[in-house]
Protein backbone atom coordinates (compact mmCIF):
# COMPACT_ATOMS: atom_id res chain seq x y z
CA MET A 1 5.23 -6.14 210.46
CA GLU A 2 7.16 -4.18 213.07
CA VAL A 3 7.68 -0.44 213.01
CA TYR A 4 10.68 0.79 214.94
CA ASN A 5 10.67 4.55 214.40
CA VAL A 6 7.27 6.08 214.70
CA LEU A 7 7.52 9.85 214.82
CA ALA A 8 4.93 12.02 216.46
CA PRO A 9 3.75 15.01 214.37
CA GLU A 10 5.75 17.50 216.48
CA GLN A 11 8.88 15.37 216.07
CA GLU A 12 8.31 15.30 212.31
CA GLU A 13 8.07 19.10 212.23
CA LYS A 14 11.23 19.40 214.32
CA ARG A 15 13.04 17.01 211.98
CA ASN A 16 11.96 19.00 208.92
CA ALA A 17 13.04 22.24 210.58
CA GLN A 18 16.50 20.79 211.21
CA ARG A 19 16.83 19.77 207.59
CA SER A 20 15.95 23.21 206.32
CA ARG A 21 18.76 24.89 208.28
CA CYS A 22 21.15 24.41 205.37
CA ASN A 23 19.82 25.65 202.10
CA GLY A 24 21.48 25.57 198.71
CA ARG A 25 22.71 29.14 198.95
CA GLN A 26 24.54 28.42 202.20
CA ILE A 27 26.14 25.30 200.80
CA ASN A 28 27.31 27.19 197.72
CA SER A 29 28.67 29.91 200.00
CA TRP A 30 30.60 27.33 202.04
CA LEU A 31 31.99 25.75 198.89
CA GLN A 32 33.08 29.17 197.64
CA GLU A 33 34.80 29.84 200.98
CA VAL A 34 36.67 26.54 200.68
CA ASP A 35 37.73 27.41 197.12
CA ASP A 36 38.88 30.87 198.19
CA LYS A 37 40.81 29.44 201.12
CA TRP A 38 42.53 26.89 198.84
CA GLU A 39 43.47 29.62 196.33
CA LYS A 40 44.98 31.70 199.12
CA ILE A 41 46.99 28.72 200.41
CA LYS A 42 48.11 27.85 196.88
CA GLU A 43 49.23 31.42 196.12
CA GLY A 44 51.22 31.55 199.36
CA MET A 45 52.86 28.23 198.63
CA LEU A 46 53.80 29.30 195.09
CA ARG A 47 55.26 32.56 196.43
CA ARG A 48 57.37 30.62 198.92
CA GLN A 49 58.55 28.20 196.24
CA HIS A 50 59.52 31.08 193.91
CA THR A 51 61.44 32.73 196.74
CA GLU A 52 63.19 29.47 197.64
CA ALA A 53 64.13 28.84 193.99
CA GLN A 54 65.59 32.34 193.64
CA THR A 55 67.44 32.01 196.95
CA LEU A 56 68.88 28.64 195.98
CA HIS A 57 70.06 30.07 192.66
CA ALA A 58 71.73 33.02 194.39
CA VAL A 59 73.47 30.79 196.95
CA GLN A 60 74.73 28.40 194.28
CA THR A 61 76.00 31.31 192.16
CA MET A 62 77.84 32.70 195.18
CA GLY A 63 79.32 29.26 195.79
CA TRP A 64 80.70 29.20 192.25
CA GLU A 65 82.11 32.72 192.67
CA TRP A 66 83.82 31.82 195.95
CA LYS A 67 85.27 28.64 194.49
CA LEU A 68 86.66 30.51 191.47
CA LYS A 69 88.28 33.06 193.79
CA GLU A 70 89.56 30.31 196.09
CA LEU A 71 91.20 28.47 193.20
CA GLY A 72 92.74 31.71 191.96
CA LEU A 73 90.90 31.63 188.63
CA CYS A 74 89.79 35.24 189.10
CA ASP A 75 90.71 38.27 191.18
CA TYR A 76 89.19 38.58 194.67
CA LYS A 77 88.01 42.13 194.01
CA THR A 78 86.06 41.28 190.87
CA THR A 79 82.80 39.43 190.49
CA PRO A 80 83.24 36.64 187.97
CA LYS A 81 80.65 36.02 185.28
CA ILE A 82 79.07 32.63 185.95
CA ASP A 83 77.68 30.71 182.99
CA PRO A 84 73.93 30.09 183.50
CA THR A 85 74.38 26.46 182.45
CA HIS A 86 76.56 25.89 185.52
CA VAL A 87 73.88 27.17 187.89
CA PRO A 88 70.44 26.35 186.51
CA GLN A 89 67.39 28.29 187.67
CA ILE A 90 64.56 26.15 189.04
CA HIS A 91 61.27 26.86 187.30
CA VAL A 92 58.23 26.84 189.60
CA SER A 93 55.06 26.45 187.58
CA ASN A 94 51.49 27.17 188.52
CA PHE A 95 49.36 24.08 188.97
CA ASP A 96 45.75 23.04 189.24
CA LEU A 97 44.65 19.91 191.00
CA PRO A 98 41.88 17.85 189.42
CA ALA A 99 38.51 18.38 191.03
């Protein structure tokens, strides 16, 4: 029988000391930091998506208004009432990814 890794007692102590650097509390803390970071990223992304959806809706509504004025279907000085079915609002929903 051959033994390849024989550790001296001081090496064994050093190895055990290295293992004990990370305890359960630290690991839980790191996991919580990762969760917090993900939540912050997710909230920022949802804010951007809401803003983009509102901006897109406003631009499309303005496009309809300009086209109505261009075709002479309404007066240039008035703001026409655009039917919401012609310019739908994009709904951005909150989401959770599976763990």
